[in-house]
Amino acid sequence: MQLSEYPTAIAKLQAEVFDLDLLIDQTHTTVKQIEAEIDSAIAFDQGLKNDAQRKARRQQLLDQHPNYWEQQEILSQYRTKRESCFIQLCLRRNEFSVLKLEKREAIARLELQANS
């Protein structure tokens, strides 16, 4: 990759990380909404007498919810993909920094040779 190509490649990776952050936030919000619905249902259930019963019922309702575990899996996949993309972003940034330093070193050598 040429030095001039790095800013575009870095920007694309930053955009991808940002997009994944948005997807993670949206999916996390969906998970929290499901949990809030279940917590609300439990709060008004007069048949539940103590915290142990409420916790057990909460888990039972989460297990039975058609989308809860699917959303949890999607969230996990987005987080994994985001981390992978972020690693690539850091790698490109570091490669760009090294390449710039190498170019500066080459320029300094040329200037030193010209002054000798």
N, C-alpha and C. Protein backbone atom coordinates (compact mmCIF):
# COMPACT_ATOMS: atom_id res chain seq x y z
N MET A 1 0.85 -1.17 0.00
CA MET A 1 0.00 0.00 0.00
C MET A 1 0.90 1.24 0.00
N GLN A 2 0.55 2.19 -0.81
CA GLN A 2 1.32 3.42 -0.90
C GLN A 2 0.95 4.35 0.26
N LEU A 3 1.88 5.22 0.60
CA LEU A 3 1.66 6.17 1.70
C LEU A 3 0.37 6.97 1.49
N SER A 4 0.11 7.38 0.27
CA SER A 4 -1.06 8.21 -0.02
C SER A 4 -2.38 7.44 0.12
N GLU A 5 -2.33 6.11 0.12
CA GLU A 5 -3.54 5.30 0.23
C GLU A 5 -3.99 5.06 1.67
N TYR A 6 -3.08 5.28 2.60
CA TYR A 6 -3.40 4.99 4.00
C TYR A 6 -4.53 5.85 4.58
N PRO A 7 -4.56 7.16 4.35
CA PRO A 7 -5.66 7.94 4.94
C PRO A 7 -7.04 7.44 4.52
N THR A 8 -7.21 7.06 3.27
CA THR A 8 -8.49 6.55 2.80
C THR A 8 -8.81 5.20 3.44
N ALA A 9 -7.81 4.33 3.50
CA ALA A 9 -8.01 3.02 4.12
C ALA A 9 -8.35 3.16 5.60
N ILE A 10 -7.68 4.06 6.28
CA ILE A 10 -7.95 4.31 7.70
C ILE A 10 -9.35 4.88 7.88
N ALA A 11 -9.73 5.82 7.03
CA ALA A 11 -11.07 6.41 7.13
C ALA A 11 -12.16 5.37 6.91
N LYS A 12 -11.95 4.46 5.96
CA LYS A 12 -12.93 3.39 5.71
C LYS A 12 -13.07 2.49 6.93
N LEU A 13 -11.96 2.14 7.54
CA LEU A 13 -12.01 1.30 8.73
C LEU A 13 -12.67 2.03 9.90
N GLN A 14 -12.39 3.33 10.04
CA GLN A 14 -13.04 4.11 11.09
C GLN A 14 -14.55 4.15 10.87
N ALA A 15 -14.97 4.30 9.63
CA ALA A 15 -16.40 4.32 9.31
C ALA A 15 -17.03 2.97 9.62
N GLU A 16 -16.31 1.91 9.33
CA GLU A 16 -16.84 0.57 9.61
C GLU A 16 -16.98 0.35 11.13
N VAL A 17 -15.98 0.79 11.89
CA VAL A 17 -16.07 0.68 13.35
C VAL A 17 -17.25 1.49 13.86
N PHE A 18 -17.43 2.69 13.32
CA PHE A 18 -18.56 3.54 13.72
C PHE A 18 -19.89 2.87 13.41
N ASP A 19 -20.01 2.33 12.20
CA ASP A 19 -21.25 1.63 11.82
C ASP A 19 -21.53 0.45 12.75
N LEU A 20 -20.49 -0.29 13.08
CA LEU A 20 -20.67 -1.42 14.00
C LEU A 20 -21.05 -0.94 15.40
N ASP A 21 -20.49 0.18 15.82
CA ASP A 21 -20.88 0.76 17.12
C ASP A 21 -22.37 1.10 17.12
N LEU A 22 -22.87 1.64 16.02
CA LEU A 22 -24.30 1.95 15.92
C LEU A 22 -25.14 0.69 15.98
N LEU A 23 -24.73 -0.34 15.27
CA LEU A 23 -25.46 -1.62 15.30
C LEU A 23 -25.44 -2.24 16.70
N ILE A 24 -24.30 -2.14 17.35
CA ILE A 24 -24.20 -2.65 18.72
C ILE A 24 -25.15 -1.89 19.64
N ASP A 25 -25.17 -0.56 19.52
CA ASP A 25 -26.06 0.25 20.35
C ASP A 25 -27.53 -0.09 20.09
N GLN A 26 -27.89 -0.24 18.83
CA GLN A 26 -29.28 -0.57 18.49
C GLN A 26 -29.67 -1.94 19.03
N THR A 27 -28.80 -2.91 18.86
CA THR A 27 -29.09 -4.26 19.34
C THR A 27 -29.14 -4.29 20.87
N HIS A 28 -28.23 -3.58 21.50
CA HIS A 28 -28.23 -3.51 22.96
C HIS A 28 -29.53 -2.86 23.47
N THR A 29 -29.99 -1.85 22.78
CA THR A 29 -31.26 -1.20 23.13
C THR A 29 -32.42 -2.19 23.02
N THR A 30 -32.41 -2.99 21.97
CA THR A 30 -33.46 -4.01 21.79
C THR A 30 -33.43 -5.01 22.95
N VAL A 31 -32.25 -5.46 23.32
CA VAL A 31 -32.11 -6.40 24.44
C VAL A 31 -32.64 -5.77 25.73
N LYS A 32 -32.27 -4.52 25.96
CA LYS A 32 -32.72 -3.82 27.17
C LYS A 32 -34.24 -3.62 27.17
N GLN A 33 -34.83 -3.38 26.01
CA GLN A 33 -36.29 -3.24 25.93
C GLN A 33 -36.98 -4.55 26.28
N ILE A 34 -36.45 -5.65 25.78
CA ILE A 34 -37.01 -6.97 26.11
C ILE A 34 -36.93 -7.20 27.62
N GLU A 35 -35.76 -6.90 28.19
CA GLU A 35 -35.58 -7.09 29.63
C GLU A 35 -36.52 -6.18 30.42
N ALA A 36 -36.71 -4.95 29.96
CA ALA A 36 -37.60 -4.02 30.65
C ALA A 36 -39.06 -4.50 30.61
N GLU A 37 -39.47 -5.04 29.47
CA GLU A 37 -40.83 -5.59 29.36
C GLU A 37 -41.04 -6.73 30.35
N ILE A 38 -40.06 -7.60 30.42
CA ILE A 38 -40.14 -8.74 31.33
C ILE A 38 -40.10 -8.28 32.79
N ASP A 39 -39.21 -7.34 33.09
CA ASP A 39 -39.13 -6.82 34.46
C ASP A 39 -40.43 -6.14 34.87
N SER A 40 -41.04 -5.45 33.94
CA SER A 40 -42.32 -4.81 34.21
C SER A 40 -43.41 -5.84 34.50
N ALA A 41 -43.45 -6.89 33.71
CA ALA A 41 -44.44 -7.95 33.92
C ALA A 41 -44.24 -8.61 35.29
N ILE A 42 -43.00 -8.80 35.66
CA ILE A 42 -42.69 -9.43 36.95
C ILE A 42 -43.07 -8.50 38.10
N ALA A 43 -42.84 -7.22 37.94
CA ALA A 43 -43.13 -6.26 39.01
C ALA A 43 -44.61 -6.26 39.39
N PHE A 44 -45.48 -6.53 38.43
CA PHE A 44 -46.91 -6.49 38.70
C PHE A 44 -47.52 -7.88 38.90
N ASP A 45 -46.67 -8.90 38.97
CA ASP A 45 -47.16 -10.26 39.19
C ASP A 45 -47.30 -10.49 40.70
N GLN A 46 -48.53 -10.50 41.19
CA GLN A 46 -48.81 -10.65 42.62
C GLN A 46 -48.51 -12.06 43.12
N GLY A 47 -48.40 -13.00 42.21
CA GLY A 47 -48.14 -14.38 42.60
C GLY A 47 -46.71 -14.64 43.03
N LEU A 48 -45.81 -13.72 42.72
CA LEU A 48 -44.40 -13.89 43.08
C LEU A 48 -44.17 -13.26 44.45
N LYS A 49 -43.76 -14.07 45.40
CA LYS A 49 -43.71 -13.64 46.79
C LYS A 49 -42.36 -13.11 47.25
N ASN A 50 -41.27 -13.51 46.58
CA ASN A 50 -39.95 -13.06 47.05
C ASN A 50 -39.00 -12.90 45.86
N ASP A 51 -37.80 -12.42 46.17
CA ASP A 51 -36.80 -12.17 45.11
C ASP A 51 -36.40 -13.43 44.36
N ALA A 52 -36.30 -14.52 45.07
CA ALA A 52 -35.91 -15.78 44.42
C ALA A 52 -36.94 -16.19 43.38
N GLN A 53 -38.21 -16.02 43.71
CA GLN A 53 -39.27 -16.35 42.74
C GLN A 53 -39.23 -15.38 41.57
N ARG A 54 -39.00 -14.10 41.84
CA ARG A 54 -38.94 -13.10 40.77
C ARG A 54 -37.76 -13.37 39.83
N LYS A 55 -36.60 -13.71 40.40
CA LYS A 55 -35.42 -14.01 39.58
C LYS A 55 -35.66 -15.25 38.71
N ALA A 56 -36.25 -16.26 39.31
CA ALA A 56 -36.53 -17.49 38.56
C ALA A 56 -37.52 -17.22 37.44
N ARG A 57 -38.56 -16.45 37.74
CA ARG A 57 -39.57 -16.13 36.73
C ARG A 57 -38.96 -15.27 35.61
N ARG A 58 -38.11 -14.33 35.99
CA ARG A 58 -37.44 -13.48 35.00
C ARG A 58 -36.63 -14.34 34.03
N GLN A 59 -35.84 -15.25 34.59
CA GLN A 59 -35.03 -16.12 33.74
C GLN A 59 -35.90 -16.99 32.84
N GLN A 60 -36.99 -17.49 33.40
CA GLN A 60 -37.91 -18.32 32.63
C GLN A 60 -38.50 -17.52 31.46
N LEU A 61 -38.90 -16.28 31.73
CA LEU A 61 -39.47 -15.44 30.67
C LEU A 61 -38.43 -15.07 29.61
N LEU A 62 -37.20 -14.82 30.06
CA LEU A 62 -36.13 -14.53 29.10
C LEU A 62 -35.87 -15.74 28.21
N ASP A 63 -35.83 -16.91 28.81
CA ASP A 63 -35.61 -18.14 28.04
C ASP A 63 -36.71 -18.39 27.03
N GLN A 64 -37.93 -18.00 27.39
CA GLN A 64 -39.09 -18.24 26.52
C GLN A 64 -39.28 -17.16 25.46
N HIS A 65 -38.64 -16.02 25.64
CA HIS A 65 -38.84 -14.91 24.69
C HIS A 65 -38.29 -15.30 23.33
N PRO A 66 -39.08 -15.10 22.27
CA PRO A 66 -38.65 -15.56 20.94
C PRO A 66 -37.42 -14.84 20.37
N ASN A 67 -37.16 -13.61 20.81
CA ASN A 67 -36.06 -12.85 20.20
C ASN A 67 -34.89 -12.58 21.14
N TYR A 68 -35.05 -12.83 22.42
CA TYR A 68 -34.03 -12.42 23.38
C TYR A 68 -32.67 -13.04 23.09
N TRP A 69 -32.61 -14.38 22.99
CA TRP A 69 -31.32 -15.03 22.79
C TRP A 69 -30.78 -14.79 21.40
N GLU A 70 -31.66 -14.62 20.45
CA GLU A 70 -31.22 -14.28 19.09
C GLU A 70 -30.54 -12.91 19.09
N GLN A 71 -31.15 -11.95 19.79
CA GLN A 71 -30.56 -10.61 19.88
C GLN A 71 -29.23 -10.65 20.64
N GLN A 72 -29.15 -11.48 21.66
CA GLN A 72 -27.89 -11.62 22.41
C GLN A 72 -26.79 -12.17 21.50
N GLU A 73 -27.13 -13.14 20.67
CA GLU A 73 -26.16 -13.72 19.74
C GLU A 73 -25.72 -12.69 18.69
N ILE A 74 -26.68 -11.96 18.17
CA ILE A 74 -26.36 -10.90 17.19
C ILE A 74 -25.44 -9.87 17.82
N LEU A 75 -25.75 -9.48 19.05
CA LEU A 75 -24.92 -8.52 19.77
C LEU A 75 -23.50 -9.04 19.93
N SER A 76 -23.37 -10.29 20.27
CA SER A 76 -22.05 -10.90 20.42
C SER A 76 -21.29 -10.90 19.09
N GLN A 77 -21.97 -11.22 18.01
CA GLN A 77 -21.34 -11.23 16.69
C GLN A 77 -20.88 -9.83 16.28
N TYR A 78 -21.74 -8.82 16.53
CA TYR A 78 -21.35 -7.45 16.20
C TYR A 78 -20.14 -7.01 17.01
N ARG A 79 -20.11 -7.37 18.27
CA ARG A 79 -18.97 -6.98 19.12
C ARG A 79 -17.69 -7.65 18.64
N THR A 80 -17.78 -8.92 18.26
CA THR A 80 -16.61 -9.63 17.75
C THR A 80 -16.12 -9.00 16.45
N LYS A 81 -17.05 -8.69 15.56
CA LYS A 81 -16.68 -8.08 14.29
C LYS A 81 -16.08 -6.69 14.51
N ARG A 82 -16.63 -5.94 15.47
CA ARG A 82 -16.12 -4.60 15.76
C ARG A 82 -14.69 -4.68 16.28
N GLU A 83 -14.43 -5.63 17.18
CA GLU A 83 -13.08 -5.77 17.72
C GLU A 83 -12.08 -6.14 16.62
N SER A 84 -12.48 -7.02 15.73
CA SER A 84 -11.62 -7.40 14.61
C SER A 84 -11.33 -6.19 13.72
N CYS A 85 -12.36 -5.43 13.43
CA CYS A 85 -12.21 -4.24 12.60
C CYS A 85 -11.34 -3.20 13.30
N PHE A 86 -11.52 -3.06 14.61
CA PHE A 86 -10.72 -2.10 15.37
C PHE A 86 -9.25 -2.50 15.36
N ILE A 87 -8.97 -3.79 15.45
CA ILE A 87 -7.59 -4.27 15.38
C ILE A 87 -6.99 -3.91 14.02
N GLN A 88 -7.76 -4.11 12.95
CA GLN A 88 -7.30 -3.75 11.61
C GLN A 88 -7.04 -2.24 11.51
N LEU A 89 -7.92 -1.45 12.11
CA LEU A 89 -7.76 0.00 12.12
C LEU A 89 -6.45 0.39 12.81
N CYS A 90 -6.20 -0.19 13.98
CA CYS A 90 -4.97 0.10 14.70
C CYS A 90 -3.74 -0.31 13.90
N LEU A 91 -3.84 -1.46 13.25
CA LEU A 91 -2.74 -1.93 12.42
C LEU A 91 -2.45 -0.94 11.30
N ARG A 92 -3.48 -0.49 10.60
CA ARG A 92 -3.28 0.48 9.49
C ARG A 92 -2.68 1.78 10.01
N ARG A 93 -3.17 2.24 11.15
CA ARG A 93 -2.61 3.48 11.73
C ARG A 93 -1.13 3.30 12.05
N ASN A 94 -0.80 2.16 12.64
CA ASN A 94 0.60 1.91 12.99
C ASN A 94 1.47 1.75 11.75
N GLU A 95 0.97 1.06 10.75
CA GLU A 95 1.72 0.93 9.49
C GLU A 95 1.96 2.30 8.87
N PHE A 96 0.94 3.13 8.90
CA PHE A 96 1.05 4.49 8.35
C PHE A 96 2.11 5.29 9.11
N SER A 97 2.10 5.18 10.43
CA SER A 97 3.09 5.89 11.24
C SER A 97 4.51 5.42 10.93
N VAL A 98 4.69 4.12 10.82
CA VAL A 98 6.01 3.57 10.50
C VAL A 98 6.46 4.03 9.13
N LEU A 99 5.57 3.98 8.16
CA LEU A 99 5.91 4.40 6.80
C LEU A 99 6.30 5.88 6.76
N LYS A 100 5.57 6.71 7.51
CA LYS A 100 5.92 8.14 7.57
C LYS A 100 7.31 8.33 8.19
N LEU A 101 7.58 7.58 9.26
CA LEU A 101 8.90 7.68 9.90
C LEU A 101 10.00 7.24 8.95
N GLU A 102 9.76 6.18 8.20
CA GLU A 102 10.75 5.71 7.23
C GLU A 102 11.00 6.76 6.16
N LYS A 103 9.94 7.42 5.70
CA LYS A 103 10.09 8.48 4.69
C LYS A 103 10.88 9.65 5.26
N ARG A 104 10.58 10.03 6.49
CA ARG A 104 11.32 11.13 7.14
C ARG A 104 12.79 10.78 7.30
N GLU A 105 13.04 9.53 7.67
CA GLU A 105 14.42 9.07 7.81
C GLU A 105 15.15 9.13 6.47
N ALA A 106 14.48 8.71 5.41
CA ALA A 106 15.10 8.76 4.08
C ALA A 106 15.39 10.20 3.66
N ILE A 107 14.47 11.09 3.95
CA ILE A 107 14.68 12.51 3.62
C ILE A 107 15.85 13.06 4.43
N ALA A 108 15.91 12.72 5.71
CA ALA A 108 17.01 13.19 6.56
C ALA A 108 18.35 12.68 6.04
N ARG A 109 18.40 11.42 5.59
CA ARG A 109 19.64 10.86 5.03
C ARG A 109 20.06 11.62 3.77
N LEU A 110 19.08 11.91 2.92
CA LEU A 110 19.38 12.65 1.69
C LEU A 110 19.91 14.04 2.01
N GLU A 111 19.29 14.69 2.97
CA GLU A 111 19.75 16.03 3.36
C GLU A 111 21.16 15.97 3.95
N LEU A 112 21.41 14.93 4.72
CA LEU A 112 22.74 14.76 5.33
C LEU A 112 23.79 14.52 4.25
N GLN A 113 23.44 13.71 3.25
CA GLN A 113 24.36 13.44 2.15
C GLN A 113 24.61 14.70 1.32
N ALA A 114 23.56 15.49 1.15
CA ALA A 114 23.68 16.72 0.34
C ALA A 114 24.55 17.74 1.06
N ASN A 115 24.51 17.75 2.36
CA ASN A 115 25.30 18.71 3.16
C ASN A 115 26.73 18.24 3.37
N SER A 116 27.05 16.98 3.03
CA SER A 116 28.40 16.46 3.25
C SER A 116 29.33 16.80 2.13
